[in-house]
Protein backbone atom coordinates (compact mmCIF):
# COMPACT_ATOMS: atom_id res chain seq x y z
CA UNK A 1 0.00 0.00 0.00
CA UNK A 2 1.58 3.35 -1.02
CA UNK A 3 2.55 5.69 1.74
CA UNK A 4 0.15 8.55 2.18
CA UNK A 5 1.43 12.14 1.80
CA UNK A 6 1.62 13.91 5.16
CA UNK A 7 -0.94 16.67 5.59
CA UNK A 8 0.26 20.22 5.09
CA UNK A 9 0.98 22.16 8.22
CA UNK A 10 -1.66 24.63 9.23
CA UNK A 11 1.00 27.38 9.27
CA UNK A 12 2.68 26.42 5.98
CA UNK A 13 1.57 28.67 3.08
CA UNK A 14 -0.01 26.96 0.13
CA UNK A 15 1.41 27.38 -3.38
CA UNK A 16 -1.11 30.04 -4.41
CA UNK A 17 -0.27 32.11 -1.33
CA UNK A 18 3.47 31.93 -2.04
CA UNK A 19 2.92 32.96 -5.65
CA UNK A 20 0.70 35.86 -4.59
CA UNK A 21 3.24 37.15 -2.07
CA UNK A 22 6.02 37.01 -4.67
CA UNK A 23 3.86 38.93 -7.13
CA UNK A 24 3.24 41.65 -4.54
CA UNK A 25 6.96 41.93 -3.78
CA UNK A 26 7.82 42.14 -7.48
CA UNK A 27 5.17 44.81 -8.01
CA UNK A 28 6.49 46.88 -5.10
CA UNK A 29 10.05 46.52 -6.34
CA UNK A 30 9.00 47.64 -9.82
CA UNK A 31 7.19 50.66 -8.35
CA UNK A 32 10.25 51.58 -6.30
CA UNK A 33 12.53 51.28 -9.34
CA UNK A 34 10.15 53.41 -11.42
CA UNK A 35 10.07 56.09 -8.74
CA UNK A 36 13.85 56.06 -8.44
CA UNK A 37 14.20 56.39 -12.23
CA UNK A 38 11.75 59.30 -12.28
CA UNK A 39 13.61 61.10 -9.48
CA UNK A 40 16.96 60.53 -11.24
CA UNK A 41 15.64 61.91 -14.55
CA UNK A 42 14.07 64.91 -12.82
CA UNK A 43 17.26 65.72 -10.92
CA UNK A 44 19.36 65.26 -14.07
CA UNK A 45 17.05 67.58 -16.03
CA UNK A 46 17.34 70.26 -13.34
CA UNK A 47 21.10 69.85 -13.40
CA UNK A 48 21.42 70.07 -17.19
CA UNK A 49 18.40 71.81 -18.76
CA UNK A 50 16.34 74.18 -16.62
CA UNK A 51 15.54 74.97 -13.02
CA UNK A 52 13.89 77.56 -10.82
CA UNK A 53 15.22 79.43 -7.81
CA UNK A 54 13.86 81.23 -4.79
CA UNK A 55 15.52 84.63 -4.20
CA UNK A 56 16.22 85.18 -0.48
CA UNK A 57 18.05 88.52 -0.57
CA UNK A 58 17.60 92.03 -1.92
CA UNK A 59 20.85 92.38 -3.87
CA UNK A 60 18.99 92.55 -7.21
CA UNK A 61 16.26 95.01 -6.14
CA UNK A 62 14.47 96.59 -7.97
CA UNK A 63 14.87 94.08 -10.83
CA UNK A 64 14.23 91.05 -8.62
CA UNK A 65 12.52 91.32 -5.25
CA UNK A 66 13.02 89.30 -2.07
CA UNK A 67 10.89 86.16 -2.27
CA UNK A 68 10.65 86.13 -6.07
CA UNK A 69 10.99 82.86 -7.92
CA UNK A 70 12.92 82.92 -11.19
CA UNK A 71 13.16 80.40 -14.00
CA UNK A 72 16.68 79.65 -15.23
CA UNK A 73 17.84 78.18 -18.52
CA UNK A 74 20.88 75.98 -18.07
CA UNK A 75 21.19 75.61 -21.86
CA UNK A 76 21.89 79.29 -22.46
CA UNK A 77 25.67 78.92 -22.33
CA UNK A 78 26.25 75.22 -22.81
CA UNK A 79 25.17 71.65 -22.17
CA UNK A 80 26.33 70.13 -18.90
CA UNK A 81 26.40 66.47 -18.09
CA UNK A 82 24.26 65.77 -15.01
CA UNK A 83 26.05 66.79 -11.81
CA UNK A 84 29.14 67.99 -13.73
CA UNK A 85 30.75 71.37 -13.12
CA UNK A 86 32.11 72.34 -16.55
CA UNK A 87 29.90 72.46 -19.68
CA UNK A 88 30.23 69.41 -21.95
CA UNK A 89 29.35 71.55 -24.99
CA UNK A 90 29.73 75.35 -24.92
CA UNK A 91 27.20 77.63 -26.63
CA UNK A 92 29.08 80.84 -25.84
CA UNK A 93 29.88 83.03 -22.87
CA UNK A 94 27.53 85.13 -20.74
CA UNK A 95 27.10 88.61 -22.18
CA UNK A 96 27.21 91.94 -20.36
CA UNK A 97 23.77 92.62 -18.93
CA UNK A 98 22.74 88.96 -18.54
CA UNK A 99 21.28 87.99 -15.16
CA UNK A 100 23.05 84.78 -14.21
CA UNK A 101 22.88 82.10 -11.53
CA UNK A 102 26.26 81.11 -10.15
CA UNK A 103 28.05 79.38 -7.33
CA UNK A 104 29.65 81.76 -4.84
CA UNK A 105 33.46 81.43 -4.80
CA UNK A 106 33.34 82.16 -1.05
CA UNK A 107 30.95 79.55 0.35
CA UNK A 108 29.41 77.70 -2.60
CA UNK A 109 25.96 79.23 -2.14
CA UNK A 110 23.80 79.90 -5.18
CA UNK A 111 23.74 83.59 -6.17
CA UNK A 112 21.73 85.67 -8.62
CA UNK A 113 23.74 88.56 -10.12
CA UNK A 114 24.19 90.58 -13.30
CA UNK A 115 27.19 89.93 -15.52
CA UNK A 116 28.90 93.27 -16.12
CA UNK A 117 32.31 92.44 -17.64
CA UNK A 118 33.91 89.49 -19.39
CA UNK A 119 37.27 88.23 -20.68
CA UNK A 120 39.54 90.98 -21.96
CA UNK A 121 37.54 93.87 -20.49
CA UNK A 122 39.22 96.44 -18.30
CA UNK A 123 36.54 97.17 -15.71
CA UNK A 124 36.24 99.66 -12.88
CA UNK A 125 33.38 100.59 -10.58
CA UNK A 126 33.12 104.03 -8.95
CA UNK A 127 30.17 104.89 -6.70
CA UNK A 128 28.20 102.03 -8.22
CA UNK A 129 28.76 103.17 -11.81
CA UNK A 130 30.55 100.83 -14.22
CA UNK A 131 33.42 101.76 -16.52
CA UNK A 132 34.46 99.28 -19.22
CA UNK A 133 37.58 99.95 -21.29
CA UNK A 134 37.67 103.54 -19.99
CA UNK A 135 34.09 104.22 -21.13
CA UNK A 136 31.27 104.76 -18.61
CA UNK A 137 28.10 102.70 -18.93
CA UNK A 138 25.28 105.27 -19.22
CA UNK A 139 22.73 105.61 -16.42
CA UNK A 140 19.58 107.60 -17.14
CA UNK A 141 16.75 108.86 -14.98
CA UNK A 142 13.40 107.49 -16.20
CA UNK A 143 10.06 107.90 -14.47
CA UNK A 144 11.59 108.32 -11.04
CA UNK A 145 14.17 105.52 -11.25
CA UNK A 146 17.70 105.07 -12.54
CA UNK A 147 18.11 102.88 -15.61
CA UNK A 148 21.48 101.42 -16.63
CA UNK A 149 22.12 100.83 -20.34
CA UNK A 150 24.20 97.68 -20.02
CA UNK A 151 22.91 95.03 -22.38
CA UNK A 152 19.16 95.23 -21.88
CA UNK A 153 18.20 98.46 -20.09
CA UNK A 154 17.45 97.70 -16.44
CA UNK A 155 16.86 99.67 -13.24
CA UNK A 156 19.60 100.12 -10.65
CA UNK A 157 19.88 101.62 -7.18
CA UNK A 158 22.88 103.64 -6.01
CA UNK A 159 22.05 103.88 -2.31
CA UNK A 160 24.92 104.20 0.21
CA UNK A 161 27.02 105.87 -2.45
CA UNK A 162 26.69 102.87 -4.74
CA UNK A 163 28.70 100.57 -2.49
CA UNK A 164 32.38 99.74 -2.63
CA UNK A 165 34.58 100.72 -5.58
CA UNK A 166 36.50 98.21 -7.66
CA UNK A 167 39.42 98.15 -10.09
CA UNK A 168 40.42 98.98 -12.65
CA UNK A 169 41.10 95.30 -13.37
CA UNK A 170 41.60 93.45 -16.64
CA UNK A 171 39.31 90.44 -16.69
CA UNK A 172 41.19 87.24 -17.48
CA UNK A 173 40.30 84.34 -19.72
CA UNK A 174 37.17 82.45 -18.59
CA UNK A 175 36.56 85.05 -15.87
CA UNK A 176 33.67 87.43 -15.24
CA UNK A 177 32.69 90.25 -12.93
CA UNK A 178 29.16 89.99 -11.53
CA UNK A 179 27.28 92.61 -9.51
CA UNK A 180 23.87 93.19 -8.02
CA UNK A 181 21.54 95.89 -9.34
CA UNK A 182 21.07 97.14 -5.78
CA UNK A 183 24.64 98.44 -5.82
CA UNK A 184 24.82 99.82 -2.30
CA UNK A 185 23.30 96.67 -0.77
CA UNK A 186 24.95 93.92 -2.82
CA UNK A 187 27.74 91.61 -1.77
CA UNK A 188 29.14 90.75 -5.18
CA UNK A 189 32.25 90.51 -7.32
CA UNK A 190 33.60 93.77 -5.93
CA UNK A 191 34.04 91.87 -2.65
CA UNK A 192 34.67 88.25 -3.65
CA UNK A 193 36.45 88.93 -6.95
CA UNK A 194 36.07 87.58 -10.45
CA UNK A 195 34.21 84.30 -10.97
CA UNK A 196 35.23 81.41 -13.18
CA UNK A 197 33.18 80.32 -16.19
CA UNK A 198 32.40 76.92 -14.69
CA UNK A 199 30.82 78.59 -11.65
CA UNK A 200 28.02 80.05 -13.82
CA UNK A 201 25.09 77.61 -14.05
CA UNK A 202 22.81 79.43 -16.46
CA UNK A 203 20.85 82.53 -17.40
CA UNK A 204 17.83 83.71 -15.42
CA UNK A 205 15.04 84.28 -17.94
CA UNK A 206 12.17 85.70 -15.94
CA UNK A 207 10.48 86.12 -12.58
CA UNK A 208 7.61 83.64 -12.69
CA UNK A 209 6.16 84.14 -9.21
CA UNK A 210 6.01 87.27 -7.04
CA UNK A 211 4.26 87.64 -3.68
CA UNK A 212 2.75 84.19 -4.15
CA UNK A 213 1.14 85.08 -7.49
CA UNK A 214 2.12 83.74 -10.93
CA UNK A 215 3.60 86.38 -13.22
CA UNK A 216 6.09 86.77 -16.06
CA UNK A 217 8.66 89.55 -15.74
CA UNK A 218 11.49 88.95 -18.26
CA UNK A 219 14.99 89.70 -17.00
C-alpha cells in the first residue's frame, strides 16, 4: 500500500499564497525602481536643462525682489552632463547685462547677479557706476528711477554711495565680474572677486512668481 502524503501544516503557506506574495513583492520593487528612475531623470534635467530658484536677498532690487521665484535656462551657455561642473558643450559666454545664476566662490551658495564684464575687459566701478575699457556705462533717470544701459536696459539703485569701488582690473580668460543691481546693498564681485566660467550655471530668464502670485517679468 503506497505511503500517504503527510498533511500540510496549518502554518505552511499553500502554493497560491506563495505565488501571490512574490507577485506583490515584485510589483512593489517595480514601483520603487520606477520612482527612483523618475527622481533621477528629474534631478538630471534640473542639473542640465532648466531649473527655478527662490531669491532670499535684496541684492537685485528693484529688478528682482526678495521672495521672487525665477526660471533659469541651463542651456543658455552650454550643455552640462548631469552633476558635472564644466559644460560638456559650450554655446558661448555670458554677455554683459545677462542675469546669471552662479556658485559663490566664497561659500558655494547659489547667487543671482548681473554679468557686467567678461574676458579681456578692463573694468572699474566708482560709486556704483561701471566703466568698461575707460568708457562709462550710461545711467539715465526714467520715471523716477535710474536705468542702466548695459545690455538690456534695467533699473539700478545707487544707495549708500553705490557701495564699494572696484578696479580697474583686466578680466582674465574664462573670468567674469558679476554685480547686483542694488549696488549699495549687494555683496558681489567687488568683494569676492572675479568668478570662473564653470561657476556660472545658467541665465535667469524671468520672474515667474512674485508675492505668491504667478507672473512673467522677463529679465
